[in-house]
Amino acid sequence: MIPTHIEHLGIAVNNLDEAINYYEDVLGLKCYSIEEVQDQKVRTAFFKVGETKIELLESTTPDGPIGKFIEKRGQGIHHIAFAVNDINTSLKTVKEKGVRLIDEEPRPGAESLDIAFLHPKSTFGVLTEFCSKKAN
């Protein structure tokens, strides 16, 4: 199991519209997608920087994962996401190597990807996400 590339960097923000304005007006990037992922209680906005994406994450409820993250740690980098060819095999491989999983099975994520998170206590404090195209 080798990740193919960094899929995106997830950044938790209090206000998606204000953050979008910063990335567009100050950095000159273009937001190409805004999406709500209801089961994760989050609104997302995506930007491309070369081959890598930046995903801004705004909680839709204070008790959502992003809301709790911001309450505890403030705004900032939330996770790094790696693209993998086979998410199920990748999860099995890292679990066999002793990595604690947050998601034992993939779940639907933004941009129609299957996603799964690895626990930061097993990844040197970095919340790590695997992403892959949905299996047919």
Protein backbone atom coordinates (compact mmCIF):
# COMPACT_ATOMS: atom_id res chain seq x y z
CA MET A 1 0.00 0.00 0.00
CA ILE A 2 1.57 3.25 -1.18
CA PRO A 3 -0.43 6.49 -1.43
CA THR A 4 -0.49 7.83 -4.99
CA HIS A 5 -0.43 11.50 -3.95
CA ILE A 6 -1.61 13.99 -1.36
CA GLU A 7 -5.28 14.30 -2.19
CA HIS A 8 -5.90 17.37 -0.05
CA LEU A 9 -5.14 19.26 3.14
CA GLY A 10 -8.18 19.84 5.35
CA ILE A 11 -8.38 23.19 7.13
CA ALA A 12 -11.01 23.85 9.80
CA VAL A 13 -12.54 27.35 9.67
CA ASN A 14 -15.21 29.19 11.63
CA ASN A 15 -16.72 30.90 8.60
CA LEU A 16 -16.51 29.31 5.16
CA ASP A 17 -17.44 32.48 3.25
CA GLU A 18 -14.75 34.56 4.98
CA ALA A 19 -12.15 31.85 4.40
CA ILE A 20 -13.12 31.54 0.72
CA ASN A 21 -12.67 35.29 0.34
CA TYR A 22 -9.16 35.06 1.79
CA TYR A 23 -8.11 32.20 -0.51
CA GLU A 24 -9.59 33.96 -3.56
CA ASP A 25 -8.86 37.65 -2.86
CA VAL A 26 -5.49 37.35 -1.09
CA LEU A 27 -3.98 34.18 -2.54
CA GLY A 28 -5.64 34.39 -5.96
CA LEU A 29 -7.00 30.83 -5.91
CA LYS A 30 -10.43 29.91 -7.28
CA CYS A 31 -12.97 27.95 -5.27
CA TYR A 32 -14.28 25.31 -7.64
CA SER A 33 -16.71 23.45 -5.38
CA ILE A 34 -18.81 24.02 -2.28
CA GLU A 35 -20.58 21.00 -0.83
CA GLU A 36 -22.35 19.94 2.34
CA VAL A 37 -21.66 16.48 3.72
CA GLN A 38 -24.62 16.07 6.05
CA ASP A 39 -23.56 12.92 7.90
CA GLN A 40 -20.26 14.64 8.81
CA LYS A 41 -22.03 17.89 9.77
CA VAL A 42 -19.74 19.95 7.56
CA ARG A 43 -19.70 22.33 4.60
CA THR A 44 -16.63 22.15 2.41
CA ALA A 45 -14.99 24.37 -0.18
CA PHE A 46 -12.24 23.16 -2.49
CA PHE A 47 -9.30 24.90 -4.17
CA LYS A 48 -6.60 23.45 -6.44
CA VAL A 49 -2.94 24.31 -5.90
CA GLY A 50 -1.00 22.44 -8.55
CA GLU A 51 -2.06 18.82 -8.23
CA THR A 52 -3.05 19.15 -4.57
CA LYS A 53 -6.33 20.43 -3.18
CA ILE A 54 -7.13 22.52 -0.12
CA GLU A 55 -10.40 21.61 1.57
CA LEU A 56 -11.89 24.24 3.86
CA LEU A 57 -14.20 22.74 6.49
CA GLU A 58 -16.96 24.63 8.32
CA SER A 59 -19.08 22.83 10.90
CA THR A 60 -22.83 22.99 10.31
CA THR A 61 -23.48 22.29 14.03
CA PRO A 62 -21.43 23.00 17.15
CA ASP A 63 -21.42 19.27 18.05
CA GLY A 64 -20.00 18.18 14.68
CA PRO A 65 -16.41 16.91 14.41
CA ILE A 66 -15.15 20.21 12.98
CA GLY A 67 -17.06 22.25 15.55
CA LYS A 68 -15.51 20.19 18.35
CA PHE A 69 -12.05 20.47 16.76
CA ILE A 70 -12.26 24.27 16.53
CA GLU A 71 -13.58 24.54 20.09
CA LYS A 72 -10.61 22.51 21.36
CA ARG A 73 -7.79 23.66 19.09
CA GLY A 74 -9.01 26.67 17.12
CA GLN A 75 -8.99 27.14 13.38
CA GLY A 76 -6.22 25.57 11.35
CA ILE A 77 -4.97 22.42 9.71
CA HIS A 78 -7.31 19.57 10.55
CA HIS A 79 -6.00 16.64 8.49
CA ILE A 80 -3.91 15.41 5.59
CA ALA A 81 -5.58 13.17 3.03
CA PHE A 82 -3.74 10.64 0.90
CA ALA A 83 -5.19 9.17 -2.28
CA VAL A 84 -4.98 5.38 -2.38
CA ASN A 85 -5.99 2.99 -5.14
CA ASP A 86 -7.85 0.55 -2.88
CA ILE A 87 -9.10 2.00 0.38
CA ASN A 88 -10.18 -1.35 1.83
CA THR A 89 -6.79 -2.94 1.26
CA SER A 90 -5.06 0.18 2.58
CA LEU A 91 -7.10 0.12 5.80
CA LYS A 92 -6.40 -3.58 6.27
CA THR A 93 -2.66 -3.07 5.69
CA VAL A 94 -2.23 -0.24 8.18
CA LYS A 95 -4.41 -2.02 10.78
CA GLU A 96 -2.21 -5.12 10.48
CA LYS A 97 0.77 -2.84 11.16
CA GLY A 98 -0.79 -1.67 14.43
CA VAL A 99 -2.38 1.60 13.35
CA ARG A 100 -5.59 2.47 15.19
CA LEU A 101 -8.46 3.24 12.81
CA ILE A 102 -11.25 5.74 13.35
CA ASP A 103 -13.12 4.21 10.42
CA GLU A 104 -12.98 0.43 10.10
CA GLU A 105 -14.94 0.74 6.84
CA PRO A 106 -14.90 3.50 4.21
CA ARG A 107 -17.73 6.01 4.20
CA PRO A 108 -18.94 8.59 1.68
CA GLY A 109 -17.01 11.85 1.63
CA ALA A 110 -16.96 15.05 -0.36
CA GLU A 111 -16.37 14.96 -4.11
CA SER A 112 -17.94 11.48 -4.31
CA LEU A 113 -14.91 9.82 -2.74
CA ASP A 114 -14.80 6.97 -0.25
CA ILE A 115 -12.93 8.11 2.84
CA ALA A 116 -11.60 6.67 6.09
CA PHE A 117 -9.62 8.22 8.93
CA LEU A 118 -6.67 6.90 10.92
CA HIS A 119 -6.43 7.88 14.57
CA PRO A 120 -3.88 10.63 15.27
CA LYS A 121 -2.58 8.75 18.31
CA SER A 122 -1.21 6.18 15.82
CA THR A 123 0.04 8.71 13.26
CA PHE A 124 2.30 11.01 15.31
CA GLY A 125 -0.51 13.46 16.08
CA VAL A 126 -1.66 13.98 12.50
CA LEU A 127 -5.25 13.08 11.67
CA THR A 128 -4.78 11.10 8.45
CA GLU A 129 -7.42 10.38 5.84
CA PHE A 130 -7.38 7.85 3.02
CA CYS A 131 -9.44 8.69 -0.08
CA SER A 132 -10.30 6.65 -3.13
CA LYS A 133 -12.76 6.71 -5.95
CA LYS A 134 -15.94 4.85 -5.10
CA ALA A 135 -15.84 1.16 -5.95
CA ASN A 136 -18.34 0.17 -8.62
